[in-house]
Amino acid sequence: MAEERRSRRVKVWGSAVLALVAVVCVGGWFLIAGLPGSGGSGTENKAAAVQQAPDDIRETVEKRPRGAAGHLVASVQDRGVKPNQNQETPGTWATDKVLVKGNDDVLQAAETGSGHAAWRRNLSGSICAWTKHVTVDGRTAIAFKDKKKDGGCNRLALFDLDSGRKVWQVVIPWKDSGFGELPNVTMTRGVVESSWKTGSAGYDMNSGKRLWERKATAKCREGGFSGGKTLLLRMDCTTSIYEPTRKVIAKIDPRTGAEKWRYNVAKKIALTFIVSSEPPVLAVAAGEDSISDLISLDERGKYRATVRLDGGHYEVDCDDAVVYSAVDDCSDIAVGDGQVFINSSEEVGGSNHQTNRIVSFDLGTGKPVVKFEAGPDQMIYPIRMSGDRLLAFRRGTDNYAPFSLVSLDPSTGNETVYFYFTVLSQAMDLTYTKFSDVVVEDGRIFFGSNMVRGEVIKGQPVPEWLAFGVGSAG
């Protein structure tokens, strides 16, 4: 069942060649010009970017682009995928200079703007764990397999995304348990953390020196970390082999590995994910296979409130495949400004009968606060916070409405459009947020696949698009 649910997040792509615009004109892309109302509220994000250190996990505050027409700024492709074979392409990252894509045992980068290949780095084995977090100075961490055939996932490395330079590499004490579980990787300020079934460790971000190590106990094993501003650990505990596993959430000091507090999740909870480490927000499945509730905690790990998803009226999708120990891999959800932002389920609205809305809930009371309608024949998805605003992706569903990157103001309910763009029907899969990575950085939106399938046409391999980015033409 875990593999079936994971297949929703690593959807196999068809053979269609991606194009970013519905009409191609001589000399360049046909661009969607600003449409009526494209100015939204006409206001800018009032929150200034907080001064951060180079090794902080970045919290970029985006500015509204000057132009409302979007165009292709970068893409990463691969012709080497074997016909009719699935190839995992884990991890998508972006800076103001490059778009970087994980592709089996390779990291590939394209320059944003020119679209030219920036760099390519071959790894000793396939990427098997990664984090969405990036530091202010553009570094991120991944784990990959060693050189041996069927080698273990025991190489942990930090990379500079702009240059492709490997800052350092260490061997983590991961051992195959026979059930296929892989390690988990995340980052906090100045520290890279990794966990595996029998333990976990923290490594200095500059030197790779191990700062601390934790050992699993007979009753609790390391379920996985969630990083960012702070570090939370999910522990999977049991009192005996006959009782179901219960979850414990602990706040960990990133520099020492010491526990600061614990929160015991109710025993009836089957699945637990960490949506946000600061403030602490959990997504849980209470007696179900899908997420049923969100739980907010205070700064001391004490229960605050529950947001009930009302039996499917709201959607939070998390990857619960145990072989991928990413406890924070949830799509279409964002936390900030004392609220959590999620999608309503699909509703009837418009000629194509597809629409939805983003609804926010107060983390202190669990009650709804504000909603943003997608509009007829459109779907809208939260991406991340940008200061006190929510960045969201709106996707047209009727082959007429353009896609757009928008900024939403929770305090007023107003919307500001950053830019519009279109995608051919053959490329639609890459923009489904539950199956792909979606990153907004430096005023651009990037989409990255999690898996591709090799195709041939007339005996020739078809280039598989792994990722692309769109930015304002203004």
Protein backbone atom coordinates (compact mmCIF):
# COMPACT_ATOMS: atom_id res chain seq x y z
CA MET A 1 0.00 0.00 0.00
CA ALA A 2 2.88 2.37 0.74
CA GLU A 3 4.27 1.88 -2.76
CA GLU A 4 0.84 2.56 -4.27
CA ARG A 5 0.58 5.83 -2.38
CA ARG A 6 4.11 6.79 -3.34
CA SER A 7 3.24 6.29 -7.01
CA ARG A 8 1.02 9.34 -6.73
CA ARG A 9 4.12 11.42 -6.00
CA VAL A 10 6.41 9.87 -8.62
CA LYS A 11 4.02 9.66 -11.54
CA VAL A 12 5.41 8.12 -14.73
CA TRP A 13 5.55 10.65 -17.52
CA GLY A 14 4.32 10.08 -21.04
CA SER A 15 6.30 10.59 -24.20
CA ALA A 16 5.10 14.10 -24.92
CA VAL A 17 7.74 16.77 -25.45
CA LEU A 18 7.26 19.72 -23.13
CA ALA A 19 6.53 23.18 -24.48
CA LEU A 20 5.83 26.16 -22.30
CA VAL A 21 3.62 28.17 -24.58
CA ALA A 22 0.54 27.31 -26.59
CA VAL A 23 1.62 29.16 -29.71
CA VAL A 24 5.12 29.46 -31.14
CA CYS A 25 5.90 32.47 -33.28
CA VAL A 26 8.87 33.12 -35.51
CA GLY A 27 11.80 34.30 -33.46
CA GLY A 28 10.58 33.31 -30.03
CA TRP A 29 7.83 32.30 -27.64
CA PHE A 30 4.33 33.76 -27.83
CA LEU A 31 3.77 35.37 -24.44
CA ILE A 32 0.59 36.09 -22.55
CA ALA A 33 0.43 39.82 -21.93
CA GLY A 34 -0.99 41.30 -18.77
CA LEU A 35 -4.69 40.56 -18.48
CA PRO A 36 -7.39 42.73 -16.92
CA GLY A 37 -7.04 42.62 -13.17
CA SER A 38 -3.46 41.34 -13.37
CA GLY A 39 -2.42 43.92 -10.84
CA GLY A 40 -4.44 42.24 -8.11
CA SER A 41 -4.50 44.45 -5.04
CA GLY A 42 -1.69 46.56 -6.41
CA THR A 43 0.13 46.27 -3.11
CA GLU A 44 3.53 44.83 -2.41
CA ASN A 45 4.72 42.47 0.27
CA LYS A 46 5.16 44.72 3.28
CA ALA A 47 7.44 42.31 5.16
CA ALA A 48 11.08 43.00 4.52
CA ALA A 49 13.51 40.13 4.27
CA VAL A 50 14.94 39.24 7.66
CA GLN A 51 18.71 39.58 7.79
CA GLN A 52 20.08 36.05 7.61
CA ALA A 53 23.54 34.52 7.97
CA PRO A 54 25.04 32.65 4.98
CA ASP A 55 24.46 29.27 6.67
CA ASP A 56 20.85 30.01 7.65
CA ILE A 57 18.09 28.13 5.83
CA ARG A 58 16.88 30.73 3.37
CA GLU A 59 13.51 32.44 3.77
CA THR A 60 13.38 34.50 0.60
CA VAL A 61 10.89 37.35 0.40
CA GLU A 62 9.88 37.73 -3.23
CA LYS A 63 9.15 41.00 -5.02
CA ARG A 64 6.49 41.43 -7.67
CA PRO A 65 8.07 41.31 -11.16
CA ARG A 66 7.70 44.32 -13.43
CA GLY A 67 6.00 42.41 -16.26
CA ALA A 68 2.97 40.10 -16.19
CA ALA A 69 4.08 37.92 -19.13
CA GLY A 70 5.94 34.71 -18.33
CA HIS A 71 8.57 32.93 -20.40
CA LEU A 72 10.89 29.95 -20.20
CA VAL A 73 14.07 30.74 -18.26
CA ALA A 74 15.66 27.30 -17.83
CA SER A 75 15.15 23.60 -18.44
CA VAL A 76 16.92 20.33 -17.68
CA GLN A 77 16.53 17.40 -20.10
CA ASP A 78 17.87 13.88 -20.50
CA ARG A 79 18.07 11.71 -23.64
CA GLY A 80 19.65 8.78 -21.84
CA VAL A 81 16.60 7.26 -20.17
CA LYS A 82 16.20 3.67 -21.40
CA PRO A 83 13.06 3.00 -23.45
CA ASN A 84 10.11 1.80 -21.36
CA GLN A 85 12.18 2.09 -18.19
CA ASN A 86 11.35 4.24 -15.18
CA GLN A 87 14.12 6.45 -13.84
CA GLU A 88 13.87 8.32 -10.57
CA THR A 89 14.75 12.01 -10.68
CA PRO A 90 14.75 13.08 -7.02
CA GLY A 91 15.25 16.65 -5.87
CA THR A 92 14.69 20.06 -7.48
CA TRP A 93 16.48 23.21 -6.28
CA ALA A 94 16.90 26.75 -7.59
CA THR A 95 18.92 29.86 -6.84
CA ASP A 96 19.04 33.25 -8.53
CA LYS A 97 21.60 31.76 -10.94
CA VAL A 98 20.71 28.12 -11.63
CA LEU A 99 18.05 25.44 -11.73
CA VAL A 100 19.42 22.14 -10.35
CA LYS A 101 17.83 18.72 -10.88
CA GLY A 102 18.61 15.35 -9.40
CA ASN A 103 18.61 12.58 -12.03
CA ASP A 104 19.34 9.08 -10.69
CA ASP A 105 23.12 9.28 -10.03
CA VAL A 106 23.67 12.75 -11.49
CA LEU A 107 23.12 16.37 -10.50
CA GLN A 108 22.45 18.63 -13.49
CA ALA A 109 22.19 22.43 -13.56
CA ALA A 110 20.98 24.99 -16.08
CA GLU A 111 21.54 28.72 -15.98
CA THR A 112 18.39 30.73 -15.32
CA GLY A 113 18.07 33.37 -18.01
CA SER A 114 20.20 31.90 -20.80
CA GLY A 115 18.96 28.35 -20.23
CA HIS A 116 22.43 27.00 -21.04
CA ALA A 117 23.84 24.00 -19.20
CA ALA A 118 25.71 25.27 -16.14
CA TRP A 119 27.35 22.15 -14.74
CA ARG A 120 26.94 18.39 -14.31
CA ARG A 121 28.22 16.23 -11.47
CA ASN A 122 28.29 12.45 -11.55
CA LEU A 123 27.80 10.69 -8.22
CA SER A 124 29.07 7.29 -7.12
CA GLY A 125 25.52 5.96 -6.97
CA SER A 126 21.86 6.88 -7.12
CA ILE A 127 20.46 9.71 -4.99
CA CYS A 128 18.50 8.09 -2.17
CA ALA A 129 17.71 10.95 0.23
CA TRP A 130 17.54 14.70 -0.13
CA THR A 131 16.16 17.85 1.46
CA LYS A 132 14.18 20.72 -0.02
CA HIS A 133 16.07 23.16 2.23
CA VAL A 134 18.74 25.48 0.79
CA THR A 135 21.03 27.84 2.70
CA VAL A 136 21.20 31.57 2.08
CA ASP A 137 24.50 31.06 0.24
CA GLY A 138 23.01 28.33 -1.97
CA ARG A 139 24.05 24.97 -0.45
CA THR A 140 22.01 21.81 0.02
CA ALA A 141 22.58 18.22 1.18
CA ILE A 142 21.82 14.84 -0.36
CA ALA A 143 22.58 11.18 0.39
CA PHE A 144 23.53 8.73 -2.36
CA LYS A 145 24.71 5.17 -2.74
CA ASP A 146 28.31 3.97 -2.75
CA LYS A 147 30.13 2.49 -5.76
CA LYS A 148 29.35 -1.14 -5.04
CA LYS A 149 26.66 -2.99 -6.96
CA ASP A 150 23.47 -2.59 -4.93
CA GLY A 151 25.56 -0.36 -2.68
CA GLY A 152 24.18 1.07 0.51
CA CYS A 153 22.80 4.59 0.86
CA ASN A 154 25.62 5.76 3.10
CA ARG A 155 27.21 8.77 1.35
CA LEU A 156 26.15 12.14 2.72
CA ALA A 157 27.38 15.27 0.96
CA LEU A 158 26.89 19.02 0.90
CA PHE A 159 26.91 20.77 -2.50
CA ASP A 160 27.17 24.37 -3.65
CA LEU A 161 24.26 24.71 -6.10
CA ASP A 162 25.67 27.64 -8.09
CA SER A 163 28.97 25.95 -8.94
CA GLY A 164 28.26 22.24 -8.44
CA ARG A 165 31.22 22.04 -6.05
CA LYS A 166 31.09 19.32 -3.42
CA VAL A 167 31.81 21.07 -0.13
CA TRP A 168 32.35 17.84 1.78
CA GLN A 169 31.34 14.19 1.91
CA VAL A 170 31.10 11.74 4.81
CA VAL A 171 30.07 8.13 5.31
CA ILE A 172 27.07 7.72 7.57
CA PRO A 173 26.64 4.51 9.63
CA TRP A 174 23.54 3.42 7.73
CA LYS A 175 22.96 -0.31 7.40
CA ASP A 176 20.38 -2.08 5.28
CA SER A 177 17.76 -3.51 7.62
CA GLY A 178 16.36 -5.79 4.96
CA PHE A 179 13.18 -3.75 4.62
CA GLY A 180 14.58 -1.16 2.24
CA GLU A 181 14.40 1.83 4.59
CA LEU A 182 16.63 4.68 3.48
CA PRO A 183 18.14 7.49 5.55
CA ASN A 184 16.59 10.89 6.02
CA VAL A 185 18.42 14.20 5.35
CA THR A 186 17.61 17.74 6.44
CA MET A 187 19.36 20.98 7.45
CA THR A 188 19.16 23.71 10.07
CA ARG A 189 21.42 26.72 10.52
CA GLY A 190 25.03 25.56 10.30
CA VAL A 191 24.19 21.85 10.62
CA VAL A 192 23.30 18.98 8.28
CA GLU A 193 21.31 16.22 9.98
CA SER A 194 20.67 12.66 8.89
CA SER A 195 18.72 9.84 10.51
CA TRP A 196 18.43 6.13 9.84
CA LYS A 197 16.62 3.28 11.57
CA THR A 198 19.26 2.69 14.23
CA GLY A 199 20.39 6.24 14.91
CA SER A 200 21.03 9.78 13.72
CA ALA A 201 23.79 12.38 13.61
CA GLY A 202 24.49 16.06 13.02
CA TYR A 203 27.39 17.37 10.90
CA ASP A 204 28.96 20.81 10.86
CA MET A 205 27.92 22.54 7.65
CA ASN A 206 31.33 24.07 6.95
CA SER A 207 33.66 21.17 7.73
CA GLY A 208 31.50 18.02 7.67
CA LYS A 209 32.73 17.20 11.19
CA ARG A 210 30.28 15.07 13.16
CA LEU A 211 28.92 17.11 16.04
CA TRP A 212 26.79 14.44 17.74
CA GLU A 213 25.25 11.02 17.28
CA ARG A 214 22.10 9.46 18.70
CA LYS A 215 21.42 5.74 19.07
CA ALA A 216 18.03 4.10 18.69
CA THR A 217 16.71 2.28 21.74
CA ALA A 218 14.96 -1.06 22.05
CA LYS A 219 11.62 0.76 22.17
CA CYS A 220 12.14 3.70 19.80
CA ARG A 221 13.88 4.09 16.46
CA GLU A 222 14.62 7.26 14.52
CA GLY A 223 11.74 7.92 12.14
CA GLY A 224 13.14 11.04 10.49
CA PHE A 225 13.99 14.74 10.89
CA SER A 226 12.25 17.92 9.80
CA GLY A 227 14.56 20.92 9.62
CA GLY A 228 14.47 24.58 8.70
CA LYS A 229 14.37 27.13 11.51
CA THR A 230 14.47 24.39 14.14
CA LEU A 231 14.93 20.62 14.24
CA LEU A 232 12.16 18.14 15.03
CA LEU A 233 12.55 14.38 15.16
CA ARG A 234 9.82 11.81 14.75
CA MET A 235 10.52 8.66 16.76
CA ASP A 236 8.65 5.44 16.04
CA CYS A 237 8.11 3.63 19.34
CA THR A 238 6.46 0.43 20.50
CA THR A 239 6.10 -1.38 23.81
CA SER A 240 6.09 -4.83 22.24
CA ILE A 241 6.00 -6.54 18.85
CA TYR A 242 2.28 -7.12 19.35
CA GLU A 243 1.32 -3.49 19.80
CA PRO A 244 1.06 -0.88 17.02
CA THR A 245 3.84 1.68 16.73
CA ARG A 246 3.20 5.01 18.38
CA LYS A 247 4.81 8.27 17.33
CA VAL A 248 6.79 10.66 19.50
CA ILE A 249 7.84 14.12 18.31
CA ALA A 250 10.97 15.59 19.91
CA LYS A 251 12.63 18.96 19.50
CA ILE A 252 16.39 18.48 19.07
CA ASP A 253 19.22 20.95 19.62
CA PRO A 254 20.93 21.01 16.20
CA ARG A 255 24.41 21.63 17.67
CA THR A 256 24.33 19.01 20.43
CA GLY A 257 21.60 16.47 19.58
CA ALA A 258 20.02 16.94 22.99
CA GLU A 259 16.25 16.74 23.36
CA LYS A 260 14.44 19.91 24.47
CA TRP A 261 10.91 18.51 24.70
CA ARG A 262 8.71 15.60 23.65
CA TYR A 263 5.15 15.35 22.40
CA ASN A 264 3.43 11.96 22.46
CA VAL A 265 1.08 11.49 19.54
CA ALA A 266 -2.13 9.63 20.46
CA LYS A 267 -1.84 5.87 20.05
CA LYS A 268 -4.78 5.75 17.66
CA ILE A 269 -2.82 7.81 15.11
CA ALA A 270 -1.62 5.57 12.26
CA LEU A 271 0.55 8.03 10.31
CA THR A 272 2.34 11.20 11.43
CA PHE A 273 4.19 13.81 9.35
CA ILE A 274 5.87 17.05 10.34
CA VAL A 275 4.45 19.81 8.15
CA SER A 276 6.39 22.60 9.86
CA SER A 277 9.14 22.58 12.47
CA GLU A 278 8.67 26.24 13.46
CA PRO A 279 5.90 26.61 14.46
CA PRO A 280 5.40 22.86 15.05
CA VAL A 281 2.54 21.51 12.91
CA LEU A 282 1.80 17.81 12.40
CA ALA A 283 -0.29 16.07 9.76
CA VAL A 284 -1.83 12.85 11.03
CA ALA A 285 -4.05 10.01 9.85
CA ALA A 286 -6.38 9.00 12.65
CA GLY A 287 -7.49 5.49 11.77
CA GLU A 288 -7.30 6.23 8.05
CA ASP A 289 -4.88 5.83 5.17
CA SER A 290 -5.05 9.53 4.28
CA ILE A 291 -4.39 12.65 6.35
CA SER A 292 -7.40 13.40 8.54
CA ASP A 293 -6.19 16.15 10.89
CA LEU A 294 -3.54 18.80 11.46
CA ILE A 295 -2.21 19.34 14.98
CA SER A 296 -0.44 22.52 16.10
CA LEU A 297 1.94 22.65 19.08
CA ASP A 298 3.39 25.59 20.99
CA GLU A 299 7.07 26.45 21.40
CA ARG A 300 7.30 24.03 24.38
CA GLY A 301 5.75 21.10 22.53
CA LYS A 302 2.35 21.43 24.18
CA TYR A 303 -0.86 20.79 22.25
CA ARG A 304 -2.58 23.90 20.87
CA ALA A 305 -5.32 23.02 18.40
CA THR A 306 -6.59 20.55 15.81
CA VAL A 307 -7.64 21.37 12.25
CA ARG A 308 -10.05 18.70 11.04
CA LEU A 309 -10.05 18.00 7.31
CA ASP A 310 -13.74 17.06 7.39
CA GLY A 311 -13.61 13.69 5.72
CA GLY A 312 -12.01 14.81 2.49
CA HIS A 313 -13.35 18.36 2.15
CA TYR A 314 -9.73 19.52 2.47
CA GLU A 315 -6.67 17.84 0.99
CA VAL A 316 -3.19 17.35 2.43
CA ASP A 317 -1.11 14.77 0.57
CA CYS A 318 1.95 13.28 2.28
CA ASP A 319 4.38 10.61 1.08
CA ASP A 320 4.02 7.73 3.52
CA ALA A 321 6.21 5.17 1.75
CA VAL A 322 8.40 3.86 4.57
CA VAL A 323 11.34 3.27 2.24
CA TYR A 324 11.69 7.03 1.89
CA SER A 325 12.24 8.42 5.36
CA ALA A 326 11.06 11.94 4.54
CA VAL A 327 8.73 12.82 7.40
CA ASP A 328 8.13 16.32 5.98
CA ASP A 329 7.24 15.37 2.39
CA CYS A 330 3.76 16.90 2.13
CA SER A 331 2.44 18.85 -0.85
CA ASP A 332 -0.05 21.71 -1.18
CA ILE A 333 0.38 23.09 2.33
CA ALA A 334 2.15 26.12 3.82
CA VAL A 335 2.52 27.49 7.36
CA GLY A 336 3.11 31.10 8.36
CA ASP A 337 1.66 34.20 10.01
CA GLY A 338 0.02 32.03 12.68
CA GLN A 339 -1.96 30.07 10.10
CA VAL A 340 -1.81 26.91 8.01
CA PHE A 341 -2.89 27.13 4.36
CA ILE A 342 -4.42 24.10 2.63
CA ASN A 343 -6.56 23.21 -0.39
CA SER A 344 -10.20 22.40 -0.49
CA SER A 345 -11.02 19.27 -2.47
CA GLU A 346 -11.96 19.62 -6.13
CA GLU A 347 -15.40 21.13 -6.74
CA VAL A 348 -17.72 21.73 -9.68
CA GLY A 349 -17.19 25.18 -11.12
CA GLY A 350 -17.05 26.23 -14.77
CA SER A 351 -17.35 24.45 -18.11
CA ASN A 352 -14.64 21.94 -17.21
CA HIS A 353 -16.16 21.32 -13.75
CA GLN A 354 -12.91 21.83 -11.85
CA THR A 355 -12.17 24.44 -9.24
CA ASN A 356 -11.04 24.71 -5.64
CA ARG A 357 -9.90 27.22 -3.05
CA ILE A 358 -7.13 27.79 -0.51
CA VAL A 359 -8.37 28.03 3.06
CA SER A 360 -6.32 29.13 6.06
CA PHE A 361 -6.86 27.96 9.65
CA ASP A 362 -5.71 29.64 12.84
CA LEU A 363 -3.03 27.57 14.59
CA GLY A 364 -4.27 28.65 17.99
CA THR A 365 -7.96 27.80 17.55
CA GLY A 366 -8.12 25.45 14.54
CA LYS A 367 -10.86 27.64 13.04
CA PRO A 368 -10.90 28.94 9.42
CA VAL A 369 -9.64 32.47 8.82
CA VAL A 370 -9.56 33.40 5.14
CA LYS A 371 -10.18 31.74 1.77
CA PHE A 372 -8.93 32.39 -1.75
CA GLU A 373 -11.04 31.14 -4.65
CA ALA A 374 -9.34 29.66 -7.69
CA GLY A 375 -12.13 30.76 -10.03
CA PRO A 376 -14.06 28.80 -12.67
CA ASP A 377 -12.02 26.20 -14.55
CA GLN A 378 -8.97 26.86 -12.41
CA MET A 379 -7.19 25.15 -9.51
CA ILE A 380 -5.00 26.94 -6.97
CA TYR A 381 -2.25 25.47 -4.75
CA PRO A 382 -0.22 26.98 -1.88
CA ILE A 383 3.55 26.82 -2.41
CA ARG A 384 5.31 28.67 0.43
CA MET A 385 5.29 31.81 2.54
CA SER A 386 7.06 34.95 1.35
CA GLY A 387 7.25 37.25 4.33
CA ASP A 388 3.65 37.82 5.42
CA ARG A 389 2.24 36.71 2.05
CA LEU A 390 1.43 33.30 0.61
CA LEU A 391 2.82 32.36 -2.80
CA ALA A 392 0.44 30.16 -4.80
CA PHE A 393 0.28 28.50 -8.21
CA ARG A 394 -2.94 28.76 -10.23
CA ARG A 395 -3.45 26.20 -12.99
CA GLY A 396 -6.05 26.49 -15.75
CA THR A 397 -8.06 23.33 -16.40
CA ASP A 398 -10.00 24.23 -19.57
CA ASN A 399 -7.11 24.69 -22.08
CA TYR A 400 -7.92 28.41 -22.21
CA ALA A 401 -7.21 29.95 -18.82
CA PRO A 402 -3.46 30.65 -18.41
CA PHE A 403 -1.39 29.47 -15.49
CA SER A 404 -0.07 32.06 -13.05
CA LEU A 405 2.14 32.66 -10.03
CA VAL A 406 0.30 34.79 -7.50
CA SER A 407 0.87 36.40 -4.10
CA LEU A 408 -1.98 36.23 -1.58
CA ASP A 409 -2.40 38.58 1.38
CA PRO A 410 -4.01 36.75 4.35
CA SER A 411 -4.70 40.02 6.18
CA THR A 412 -6.84 41.52 3.39
CA GLY A 413 -7.77 38.59 1.15
CA ASN A 414 -6.26 40.42 -1.82
CA GLU A 415 -4.33 38.78 -4.65
CA THR A 416 -1.42 40.09 -6.71
CA VAL A 417 -0.53 38.33 -9.96
CA TYR A 418 3.21 37.99 -10.58
CA PHE A 419 2.94 36.71 -14.15
CA TYR A 420 0.92 34.49 -16.49
CA PHE A 421 2.15 31.61 -18.65
CA THR A 422 0.72 28.68 -20.58
CA VAL A 423 1.64 25.01 -20.94
CA LEU A 424 0.73 22.63 -23.73
CA SER A 425 -1.53 19.70 -22.84
CA GLN A 426 1.36 17.27 -23.41
CA ALA A 427 3.26 18.97 -20.58
CA MET A 428 0.41 19.15 -18.11
CA ASP A 429 1.75 16.34 -15.91
CA LEU A 430 4.80 18.32 -14.85
CA THR A 431 2.58 20.98 -13.26
CA TYR A 432 0.56 18.63 -11.05
CA THR A 433 1.81 19.61 -7.62
CA LYS A 434 1.10 16.24 -5.99
CA PHE A 435 3.41 14.49 -8.43
CA SER A 436 6.18 17.09 -8.84
CA ASP A 437 8.40 19.52 -6.99
CA VAL A 438 7.35 23.18 -7.18
CA VAL A 439 9.88 25.83 -6.15
CA VAL A 440 9.61 29.61 -6.20
CA GLU A 441 12.87 31.49 -6.00
CA ASP A 442 14.10 34.90 -7.21
CA GLY A 443 10.74 35.75 -8.75
CA ARG A 444 10.55 32.55 -10.82
CA ILE A 445 8.56 29.33 -10.54
CA PHE A 446 10.20 25.95 -11.20
CA PHE A 447 8.66 22.52 -11.74
CA GLY A 448 10.61 19.27 -11.37
CA SER A 449 9.64 15.65 -11.96
CA ASN A 450 10.17 12.85 -9.46
CA MET A 451 10.34 10.13 -12.11
CA VAL A 452 10.51 9.86 -15.91
CA ARG A 453 9.94 7.02 -18.34
CA GLY A 454 12.11 6.54 -21.40
CA GLU A 455 10.41 6.83 -24.79
CA VAL A 456 11.49 6.50 -28.42
CA ILE A 457 9.96 7.83 -31.64
CA LYS A 458 10.98 6.20 -34.92
CA GLY A 459 13.85 4.49 -33.15
CA GLN A 460 15.25 7.70 -31.65
CA PRO A 461 15.19 8.52 -27.94
CA VAL A 462 12.92 11.38 -26.99
CA PRO A 463 14.42 14.04 -24.70
CA GLU A 464 12.79 13.71 -21.30
CA TRP A 465 12.13 17.02 -19.59
CA LEU A 466 13.15 16.72 -15.96
CA ALA A 467 12.53 20.30 -14.86
CA PHE A 468 11.80 23.77 -16.17
CA GLY A 469 11.45 27.30 -14.84
CA VAL A 470 9.32 30.28 -15.81
CA GLY A 471 10.01 33.93 -15.05
CA SER A 472 8.69 37.34 -15.91
CA ALA A 473 9.68 38.72 -19.32
CA GLY A 474 9.48 42.25 -17.94
